[in-house]
Amino acid sequence: MEKTFTILKPDTVKAGNIGAIISQLEKEGFRIRAMKMVHLTEAQAQGFYYVHKERPFFGSLVKFMSEGPIVPMVLEADNAIEKLRKVMGATDSKKAEAGTIRKQFGTDIERNAIHGSDGPETAAFEIAYFFSQLEVVG
């Protein structure tokens, strides 16, 4: 079993889609190992997305991710990282495949409902950014 990290973004929380997305993740075979709701400051969002600091979208991403509450989670499944990437769909919700979370709940490339780790090292950093070892079950 592998662990990965995901965030239900501010657009998801504001739209009241937390339960629907969690339900879909559980139906896809993911087990939730940690979860909480937080409201990031701009500085916290900058720290989390530091790898994108030189990208042109960094400022708008930080602003978006700090505009309202988010739900970070640790998920576990066989091949969890790759599996979650498929379940989420393409980064641009308009290009995501039917049935994916981003196609159903996102609106564009930024307000795309959900974040997911893209590799084992990223998952380890992202999990540790939001959760202590005591908060992750299993």
C-alpha atoms as a PDB file:
ATOM      1  CA  MET A   1       0.000   0.000   0.000  1.00  0.00           C
ATOM      2  CA  GLU A   2       1.175   3.485  -0.849  1.00  0.00           C
ATOM      3  CA  LYS A   3       0.243   6.827   0.684  1.00  0.00           C
ATOM      4  CA  THR A   4      -0.403  10.002  -1.257  1.00  0.00           C
ATOM      5  CA  PHE A   5      -1.564  13.492  -0.460  1.00  0.00           C
ATOM      6  CA  THR A   6      -4.534  15.459  -1.721  1.00  0.00           C
ATOM      7  CA  ILE A   7      -6.222  18.789  -1.063  1.00  0.00           C
ATOM      8  CA  LEU A   8      -9.853  19.587  -1.674  1.00  0.00           C
ATOM      9  CA  LYS A   9      -9.393  23.173  -2.806  1.00  0.00           C
ATOM     10  CA  PRO A  10     -11.333  26.315  -1.761  1.00  0.00           C
ATOM     11  CA  ASP A  11     -13.709  26.028  -4.729  1.00  0.00           C
ATOM     12  CA  THR A  12     -14.693  22.512  -3.629  1.00  0.00           C
ATOM     13  CA  VAL A  13     -15.274  23.569  -0.023  1.00  0.00           C
ATOM     14  CA  LYS A  14     -17.260  26.681  -1.012  1.00  0.00           C
ATOM     15  CA  ALA A  15     -19.462  24.681  -3.406  1.00  0.00           C
ATOM     16  CA  GLY A  16     -20.281  22.075  -0.742  1.00  0.00           C
ATOM     17  CA  ASN A  17     -18.691  19.208  -2.686  1.00  0.00           C
ATOM     18  CA  ILE A  18     -16.450  17.780   0.054  1.00  0.00           C
ATOM     19  CA  GLY A  19     -18.702  14.795   0.737  1.00  0.00           C
ATOM     20  CA  ALA A  20     -19.251  13.949  -2.916  1.00  0.00           C
ATOM     21  CA  ILE A  21     -15.522  13.915  -3.635  1.00  0.00           C
ATOM     22  CA  ILE A  22     -14.666  11.915  -0.512  1.00  0.00           C
ATOM     23  CA  SER A  23     -17.366   9.420  -1.489  1.00  0.00           C
ATOM     24  CA  GLN A  24     -15.864   9.079  -4.969  1.00  0.00           C
ATOM     25  CA  LEU A  25     -12.376   8.604  -3.537  1.00  0.00           C
ATOM     26  CA  GLU A  26     -13.616   5.866  -1.203  1.00  0.00           C
ATOM     27  CA  LYS A  27     -15.488   4.152  -4.052  1.00  0.00           C
ATOM     28  CA  GLU A  28     -12.235   4.173  -6.017  1.00  0.00           C
ATOM     29  CA  GLY A  29     -10.609   2.205  -3.182  1.00  0.00           C
ATOM     30  CA  PHE A  30      -8.751   4.940  -1.301  1.00  0.00           C
ATOM     31  CA  ARG A  31      -8.637   4.806   2.497  1.00  0.00           C
ATOM     32  CA  ILE A  32      -8.404   8.108   4.350  1.00  0.00           C
ATOM     33  CA  ARG A  33      -5.456   8.025   6.767  1.00  0.00           C
ATOM     34  CA  ALA A  34      -5.578  11.699   7.848  1.00  0.00           C
ATOM     35  CA  MET A  35      -7.886  14.638   7.191  1.00  0.00           C
ATOM     36  CA  LYS A  36      -8.568  18.136   8.512  1.00  0.00           C
ATOM     37  CA  MET A  37      -9.941  21.495   7.433  1.00  0.00           C
ATOM     38  CA  VAL A  38      -7.635  24.526   7.483  1.00  0.00           C
ATOM     39  CA  HIS A  39      -7.562  28.045   6.083  1.00  0.00           C
ATOM     40  CA  LEU A  40      -4.091  28.801   4.733  1.00  0.00           C
ATOM     41  CA  THR A  41      -2.522  32.211   5.062  1.00  0.00           C
ATOM     42  CA  GLU A  42      -0.813  33.549   1.949  1.00  0.00           C
ATOM     43  CA  ALA A  43       2.565  32.764   3.553  1.00  0.00           C
ATOM     44  CA  GLN A  44       1.516  29.148   4.218  1.00  0.00           C
ATOM     45  CA  ALA A  45       0.262  28.763   0.637  1.00  0.00           C
ATOM     46  CA  GLN A  46       3.543  30.219  -0.654  1.00  0.00           C
ATOM     47  CA  GLY A  47       5.465  27.690   1.441  1.00  0.00           C
ATOM     48  CA  PHE A  48       3.414  24.786   0.186  1.00  0.00           C
ATOM     49  CA  TYR A  49       3.686  25.786  -3.490  1.00  0.00           C
ATOM     50  CA  TYR A  50       7.295  27.017  -3.278  1.00  0.00           C
ATOM     51  CA  VAL A  51       8.308  24.732  -6.181  1.00  0.00           C
ATOM     52  CA  HIS A  52       6.192  26.948  -8.453  1.00  0.00           C
ATOM     53  CA  LYS A  53       7.532  30.291  -7.168  1.00  0.00           C
ATOM     54  CA  GLU A  54       9.143  31.190 -10.507  1.00  0.00           C
ATOM     55  CA  ARG A  55       6.064  30.248 -12.554  1.00  0.00           C
ATOM     56  CA  PRO A  56       3.783  32.997 -13.888  1.00  0.00           C
ATOM     57  CA  PHE A  57       0.717  31.515 -12.147  1.00  0.00           C
ATOM     58  CA  PHE A  58       2.307  31.442  -8.659  1.00  0.00           C
ATOM     59  CA  GLY A  59       0.669  34.644  -7.386  1.00  0.00           C
ATOM     60  CA  SER A  60      -2.828  33.740  -8.510  1.00  0.00           C
ATOM     61  CA  LEU A  61      -2.433  30.176  -7.176  1.00  0.00           C
ATOM     62  CA  VAL A  62      -1.371  31.453  -3.753  1.00  0.00           C
ATOM     63  CA  LYS A  63      -4.257  33.930  -3.686  1.00  0.00           C
ATOM     64  CA  PHE A  64      -6.758  31.216  -4.665  1.00  0.00           C
ATOM     65  CA  MET A  65      -5.458  28.641  -2.173  1.00  0.00           C
ATOM     66  CA  SER A  66      -5.660  31.166   0.682  1.00  0.00           C
ATOM     67  CA  GLU A  67      -9.096  32.591  -0.152  1.00  0.00           C
ATOM     68  CA  GLY A  68     -11.028  30.020   1.866  1.00  0.00           C
ATOM     69  CA  PRO A  69     -10.835  26.733   3.770  1.00  0.00           C
ATOM     70  CA  ILE A  70      -9.262  23.626   2.243  1.00  0.00           C
ATOM     71  CA  VAL A  71      -9.357  19.958   3.216  1.00  0.00           C
ATOM     72  CA  PRO A  72      -5.934  18.278   3.093  1.00  0.00           C
ATOM     73  CA  MET A  73      -5.934  14.468   3.309  1.00  0.00           C
ATOM     74  CA  VAL A  74      -3.569  11.527   3.323  1.00  0.00           C
ATOM     75  CA  LEU A  75      -4.918   8.695   1.204  1.00  0.00           C
ATOM     76  CA  GLU A  76      -3.759   5.099   0.945  1.00  0.00           C
ATOM     77  CA  ALA A  77      -4.244   2.533  -1.817  1.00  0.00           C
ATOM     78  CA  ASP A  78      -2.229   0.270  -4.090  1.00  0.00           C
ATOM     79  CA  ASN A  79      -0.288   2.609  -6.410  1.00  0.00           C
ATOM     80  CA  ALA A  80      -2.025   5.519  -4.683  1.00  0.00           C
ATOM     81  CA  ILE A  81      -0.087   8.325  -6.393  1.00  0.00           C
ATOM     82  CA  GLU A  82      -0.690   7.146  -9.948  1.00  0.00           C
ATOM     83  CA  LYS A  83      -4.241   6.045  -9.160  1.00  0.00           C
ATOM     84  CA  LEU A  84      -5.178   9.428  -7.682  1.00  0.00           C
ATOM     85  CA  ARG A  85      -3.740  11.265 -10.691  1.00  0.00           C
ATOM     86  CA  LYS A  86      -6.069   9.234 -12.949  1.00  0.00           C
ATOM     87  CA  VAL A  87      -9.108   9.718 -10.698  1.00  0.00           C
ATOM     88  CA  MET A  88      -8.471  13.481 -10.512  1.00  0.00           C
ATOM     89  CA  GLY A  89      -8.168  13.950 -14.281  1.00  0.00           C
ATOM     90  CA  ALA A  90      -6.240  16.530 -16.293  1.00  0.00           C
ATOM     91  CA  THR A  91      -5.132  19.715 -14.508  1.00  0.00           C
ATOM     92  CA  ASP A  92      -7.363  21.784 -16.802  1.00  0.00           C
ATOM     93  CA  SER A  93     -10.895  20.752 -15.859  1.00  0.00           C
ATOM     94  CA  LYS A  94     -12.082  21.625 -19.371  1.00  0.00           C
ATOM     95  CA  LYS A  95      -9.724  18.959 -20.782  1.00  0.00           C
ATOM     96  CA  ALA A  96     -10.326  16.302 -18.107  1.00  0.00           C
ATOM     97  CA  GLU A  97     -11.988  13.016 -19.026  1.00  0.00           C
ATOM     98  CA  ALA A  98     -15.639  12.407 -18.163  1.00  0.00           C
ATOM     99  CA  GLY A  99     -16.121  10.921 -14.712  1.00  0.00           C
ATOM    100  CA  THR A 100     -12.939  12.404 -13.250  1.00  0.00           C
ATOM    101  CA  ILE A 101     -13.142  14.649 -10.198  1.00  0.00           C
ATOM    102  CA  ARG A 102     -11.860  17.693 -12.061  1.00  0.00           C
ATOM    103  CA  LYS A 103     -14.341  17.239 -14.914  1.00  0.00           C
ATOM    104  CA  GLN A 104     -17.241  16.928 -12.473  1.00  0.00           C
ATOM    105  CA  PHE A 105     -16.288  19.581  -9.929  1.00  0.00           C
ATOM    106  CA  GLY A 106     -13.658  21.895 -11.456  1.00  0.00           C
ATOM    107  CA  THR A 107     -14.184  24.865 -13.735  1.00  0.00           C
ATOM    108  CA  ASP A 108     -10.767  25.605 -15.276  1.00  0.00           C
ATOM    109  CA  ILE A 109      -7.011  25.034 -14.941  1.00  0.00           C
ATOM    110  CA  GLU A 110      -6.750  26.781 -11.550  1.00  0.00           C
ATOM    111  CA  ARG A 111     -10.147  26.206  -9.949  1.00  0.00           C
ATOM    112  CA  ASN A 112      -9.921  22.491 -10.561  1.00  0.00           C
ATOM    113  CA  ALA A 113     -11.351  21.167  -7.278  1.00  0.00           C
ATOM    114  CA  ILE A 114      -8.457  18.987  -6.105  1.00  0.00           C
ATOM    115  CA  HIS A 115      -4.685  18.767  -5.755  1.00  0.00           C
ATOM    116  CA  GLY A 116      -2.734  15.522  -5.715  1.00  0.00           C
ATOM    117  CA  SER A 117       0.931  14.651  -5.245  1.00  0.00           C
ATOM    118  CA  ASP A 118       2.840  13.851  -8.431  1.00  0.00           C
ATOM    119  CA  GLY A 119       5.481  11.524  -6.978  1.00  0.00           C
ATOM    120  CA  PRO A 120       6.748   9.827  -3.805  1.00  0.00           C
ATOM    121  CA  GLU A 121       9.100  12.662  -2.782  1.00  0.00           C
ATOM    122  CA  THR A 122       6.385  15.271  -3.334  1.00  0.00           C
ATOM    123  CA  ALA A 123       3.883  13.190  -1.353  1.00  0.00           C
ATOM    124  CA  ALA A 124       6.316  12.890   1.566  1.00  0.00           C
ATOM    125  CA  PHE A 125       6.912  16.679   1.629  1.00  0.00           C
ATOM    126  CA  GLU A 126       3.218  17.516   1.274  1.00  0.00           C
ATOM    127  CA  ILE A 127       2.060  15.062   3.953  1.00  0.00           C
ATOM    128  CA  ALA A 128       4.660  16.421   6.389  1.00  0.00           C
ATOM    129  CA  TYR A 129       3.659  20.016   5.566  1.00  0.00           C
ATOM    130  CA  PHE A 130       0.149  19.444   6.919  1.00  0.00           C
ATOM    131  CA  PHE A 131       0.329  16.431   9.258  1.00  0.00           C
ATOM    132  CA  SER A 132       2.529  15.198  12.080  1.00  0.00           C
ATOM    133  CA  GLN A 133       3.341  11.487  12.280  1.00  0.00           C
ATOM    134  CA  LEU A 134       0.803  11.150  15.099  1.00  0.00           C
ATOM    135  CA  GLU A 135      -1.993  12.437  12.861  1.00  0.00           C
ATOM    136  CA  VAL A 136      -1.520   9.847  10.094  1.00  0.00           C
ATOM    137  CA  VAL A 137      -3.214   6.543  10.895  1.00  0.00           C
ATOM    138  CA  GLY A 138      -1.885   3.301   9.452  1.00  0.00           C
END
